Amino acid sequence: MARPRSFDEDTVIDAAMLAFWRTGYDDTPVGALETATGVKRISLYNTFGDKEGLFLAALDRYHLGASDVYEGMVAQGGLDEIQKLFSAMSAAADKDAPANSGCLMVNTVLDVRRASDAVKEKIVGYRAMIRGAFVSALKNAQAAGQMEADDALIEARATYLLGLLWGALAMIRVDGQTTAAKDVADVGNAVIDGWRTR
């Protein structure tokens, strides 16, 4: 008979997610995951298969948490909510806050040297969620009379916002502090102001 697990799986995934977020997949050895989670590698492997299995679970958890922001606040809002996102992302954070490491998904693009198809699928899905949230917010702004734009322009602006966001998050990753993206966020928000109906 198999022994019952002596750990909470959600707690382990959360701890692993923070470890991967701070140091990246390639630079987070299994020993560091044992330390972060308090669980021995044999138990981690029995539960998640291997290091990548735990990483995939961590990416799913990160996606789920971020969906509250993107599919909630941004997608349900308009131009104001998009600007709030950029302002919040670039605001000063506590020294030990994981936000100073950027975005786990963007970091994965930068850090994983030979990403598997399963990891790439997670990144593509996350990117689609963010872009979809921007499209929704821009359509809401159009419907509310906040801006004038046809569908093609909305799609182009959503792509621009996605690139702006991911570029800003990459800057945070490199510099290790959220404020590294402040100039990008401020100029981006000024561009968004220029989209508003006068």
Protein backbone atom coordinates (compact mmCIF):
# COMPACT_ATOMS: atom_id res chain seq x y z
CA MET A 1 0.00 0.00 0.00
CA ALA A 2 1.34 3.44 -0.96
CA ARG A 3 2.16 5.79 1.87
CA PRO A 4 -0.02 8.91 2.11
CA ARG A 5 1.78 12.12 1.19
CA SER A 6 3.31 13.99 4.09
CA PHE A 7 3.11 17.35 2.35
CA ASP A 8 0.53 19.64 0.81
CA GLU A 9 0.90 19.62 -2.96
CA ASP A 10 -0.35 23.20 -3.39
CA THR A 11 2.16 24.49 -0.84
CA VAL A 12 4.98 22.67 -2.63
CA ILE A 13 3.95 24.08 -6.02
CA ASP A 14 3.79 27.60 -4.59
CA ALA A 15 7.26 27.27 -3.08
CA ALA A 16 8.70 25.81 -6.28
CA MET A 17 7.07 28.56 -8.32
CA LEU A 18 8.82 31.22 -6.24
CA ALA A 19 12.15 29.43 -6.57
CA PHE A 20 11.85 29.15 -10.34
CA TRP A 21 10.60 32.76 -10.54
CA ARG A 22 13.63 34.09 -8.71
CA THR A 23 16.40 32.06 -10.33
CA GLY A 24 14.94 30.52 -13.49
CA TYR A 25 14.56 26.90 -14.55
CA ASP A 26 18.14 26.30 -15.62
CA ASP A 27 19.66 27.85 -12.49
CA THR A 28 17.35 26.15 -9.98
CA PRO A 29 18.87 22.73 -9.22
CA VAL A 30 16.78 20.00 -7.65
CA GLY A 31 18.66 20.51 -4.39
CA ALA A 32 17.42 24.11 -4.27
CA LEU A 33 13.89 22.85 -4.87
CA GLU A 34 14.28 20.41 -1.96
CA THR A 35 15.31 23.32 0.24
CA ALA A 36 12.56 25.63 -1.00
CA THR A 37 9.78 23.06 -0.66
CA GLY A 38 11.05 21.10 2.33
CA VAL A 39 10.41 17.90 0.35
CA LYS A 40 13.01 15.33 -0.71
CA ARG A 41 13.60 14.82 -4.42
CA ILE A 42 12.27 11.26 -4.40
CA SER A 43 8.92 12.55 -3.13
CA LEU A 44 8.98 15.42 -5.65
CA TYR A 45 9.68 12.97 -8.46
CA ASN A 46 7.02 10.54 -7.26
CA THR A 47 4.47 13.34 -7.34
CA PHE A 48 5.52 15.43 -10.35
CA GLY A 49 7.59 12.98 -12.42
CA ASP A 50 10.74 15.07 -12.63
CA LYS A 51 12.02 18.64 -12.36
CA GLU A 52 10.20 19.69 -15.52
CA GLY A 53 6.97 18.20 -14.24
CA LEU A 54 7.22 20.40 -11.15
CA PHE A 55 8.12 23.36 -13.35
CA LEU A 56 5.04 22.81 -15.52
CA ALA A 57 2.88 22.73 -12.39
CA ALA A 58 4.54 25.97 -11.26
CA LEU A 59 3.84 27.61 -14.63
CA ASP A 60 0.19 26.59 -14.35
CA ARG A 61 0.00 28.06 -10.85
CA TYR A 62 1.59 31.31 -12.05
CA HIS A 63 -0.85 31.50 -14.97
CA LEU A 64 -3.78 30.97 -12.63
CA GLY A 65 -2.67 33.75 -10.32
CA ALA A 66 -2.02 36.19 -13.17
CA SER A 67 -5.42 35.49 -14.73
CA ASP A 68 -7.03 37.47 -11.90
CA VAL A 69 -5.20 40.54 -13.16
CA TYR A 70 -5.45 40.01 -16.90
CA GLU A 71 -8.79 38.26 -17.34
CA GLY A 72 -10.23 40.13 -14.39
CA MET A 73 -9.09 43.74 -14.08
CA VAL A 74 -7.69 44.37 -17.57
CA ALA A 75 -10.12 42.41 -19.75
CA GLN A 76 -13.13 43.79 -17.89
CA GLY A 77 -11.86 47.37 -18.04
CA GLY A 78 -10.69 49.86 -20.62
CA LEU A 79 -7.78 52.24 -21.16
CA ASP A 80 -7.62 53.21 -17.48
CA GLU A 81 -7.12 49.59 -16.42
CA ILE A 82 -4.38 49.05 -18.99
CA GLN A 83 -2.57 52.10 -17.65
CA LYS A 84 -3.04 50.90 -14.07
CA LEU A 85 -1.40 47.62 -15.05
CA PHE A 86 1.71 49.38 -16.39
CA SER A 87 1.88 51.72 -13.39
CA ALA A 88 1.55 48.87 -10.90
CA MET A 89 4.08 46.69 -12.71
CA SER A 90 6.73 49.42 -12.56
CA ALA A 91 6.04 50.73 -9.03
CA ALA A 92 8.66 50.19 -6.35
CA ALA A 93 8.37 46.80 -4.61
CA ASP A 94 9.77 45.49 -1.34
CA LYS A 95 13.36 44.32 -1.65
CA ASP A 96 12.50 40.62 -1.38
CA ALA A 97 9.31 40.73 -3.47
CA PRO A 98 9.30 38.21 -6.35
CA ALA A 99 8.05 41.00 -8.64
CA ASN A 100 11.66 42.26 -8.68
CA SER A 101 12.47 39.15 -10.70
CA GLY A 102 10.06 40.17 -13.47
CA CYS A 103 7.56 37.64 -14.82
CA LEU A 104 8.02 33.87 -14.55
CA MET A 105 6.76 33.35 -18.10
CA VAL A 106 8.94 36.04 -19.65
CA ASN A 107 11.89 34.77 -17.61
CA THR A 108 11.25 31.32 -19.00
CA VAL A 109 11.57 32.69 -22.53
CA LEU A 110 14.88 34.29 -21.54
CA ASP A 111 16.29 31.54 -19.31
CA VAL A 112 15.34 28.12 -20.60
CA ARG A 113 17.99 27.09 -23.11
CA ARG A 114 16.24 24.13 -24.71
CA ALA A 115 12.60 24.50 -23.76
CA SER A 116 10.46 21.43 -24.30
CA ASP A 117 7.29 21.55 -26.34
CA ALA A 118 5.30 21.33 -23.11
CA VAL A 119 7.02 24.44 -21.70
CA LYS A 120 6.61 26.33 -24.97
CA GLU A 121 2.92 25.49 -24.94
CA LYS A 122 2.55 27.07 -21.49
CA ILE A 123 4.30 30.24 -22.68
CA VAL A 124 2.16 30.50 -25.81
CA GLY A 125 -1.01 30.02 -23.79
CA TYR A 126 0.03 32.68 -21.29
CA ARG A 127 0.90 35.12 -24.06
CA ALA A 128 -2.49 34.52 -25.68
CA MET A 129 -4.24 35.24 -22.38
CA ILE A 130 -2.49 38.60 -22.00
CA ARG A 131 -3.05 39.62 -25.62
CA GLY A 132 -6.70 38.58 -25.36
CA ALA A 133 -7.10 40.72 -22.24
CA PHE A 134 -5.67 43.73 -24.09
CA VAL A 135 -8.00 43.13 -27.05
CA SER A 136 -10.98 42.94 -24.70
CA ALA A 137 -10.01 46.13 -22.87
CA LEU A 138 -9.47 48.02 -26.12
CA LYS A 139 -12.84 46.86 -27.45
CA ASN A 140 -14.44 48.00 -24.20
CA ALA A 141 -12.76 51.39 -24.62
CA GLN A 142 -14.03 51.60 -28.19
CA ALA A 143 -17.59 50.70 -27.15
CA ALA A 144 -17.51 53.25 -24.33
CA GLY A 145 -16.37 56.00 -26.70
CA GLN A 146 -12.97 56.30 -25.03
CA MET A 147 -11.18 55.83 -28.33
CA GLU A 148 -11.84 55.35 -32.02
CA ALA A 149 -10.37 52.27 -33.67
CA ASP A 150 -11.41 49.59 -36.11
CA ASP A 151 -10.79 45.91 -35.44
CA ALA A 152 -7.46 45.89 -37.27
CA LEU A 153 -6.16 48.81 -35.21
CA ILE A 154 -7.34 47.18 -31.99
CA GLU A 155 -5.44 44.00 -32.90
CA ALA A 156 -2.32 46.01 -33.73
CA ARG A 157 -2.51 47.99 -30.49
CA ALA A 158 -2.96 44.78 -28.48
CA THR A 159 0.20 43.38 -30.06
CA TYR A 160 2.04 46.61 -29.27
CA LEU A 161 0.91 46.48 -25.63
CA LEU A 162 2.00 42.86 -25.31
CA GLY A 163 5.44 43.69 -26.68
CA LEU A 164 5.71 46.74 -24.43
CA LEU A 165 4.74 44.71 -21.37
CA TRP A 166 7.08 41.80 -22.06
CA GLY A 167 9.96 44.15 -22.88
CA ALA A 168 9.41 46.03 -19.62
CA LEU A 169 9.28 42.78 -17.65
CA ALA A 170 12.52 41.65 -19.28
CA MET A 171 14.15 44.90 -18.10
CA ILE A 172 12.97 44.16 -14.56
CA ARG A 173 14.48 40.68 -14.82
CA VAL A 174 17.84 42.03 -15.94
CA ASP A 175 18.03 44.85 -13.37
CA GLY A 176 16.40 43.00 -10.48
CA GLN A 177 14.00 45.78 -9.55
CA THR A 178 10.53 46.75 -10.72
CA THR A 179 11.43 50.42 -11.11
CA ALA A 180 13.72 49.51 -14.03
CA ALA A 181 10.54 49.52 -16.14
CA LYS A 182 9.22 52.90 -14.94
CA ASP A 183 10.31 54.92 -17.97
CA VAL A 184 8.89 52.31 -20.33
CA ALA A 185 5.61 52.26 -18.40
CA ASP A 186 5.36 56.05 -18.24
CA VAL A 187 5.98 56.51 -21.96
CA GLY A 188 3.62 53.64 -22.76
CA ASN A 189 0.89 55.24 -20.68
CA ALA A 190 1.48 58.54 -22.49
CA VAL A 191 1.02 56.69 -25.79
CA ILE A 192 -2.24 55.23 -24.51
CA ASP A 193 -3.39 58.74 -23.55
CA GLY A 194 -2.84 59.67 -27.19
CA TRP A 195 -5.39 57.00 -28.20
CA ARG A 196 -8.15 58.67 -26.22
CA THR A 197 -10.96 60.45 -28.03
CA ARG A 198 -10.50 64.21 -27.71
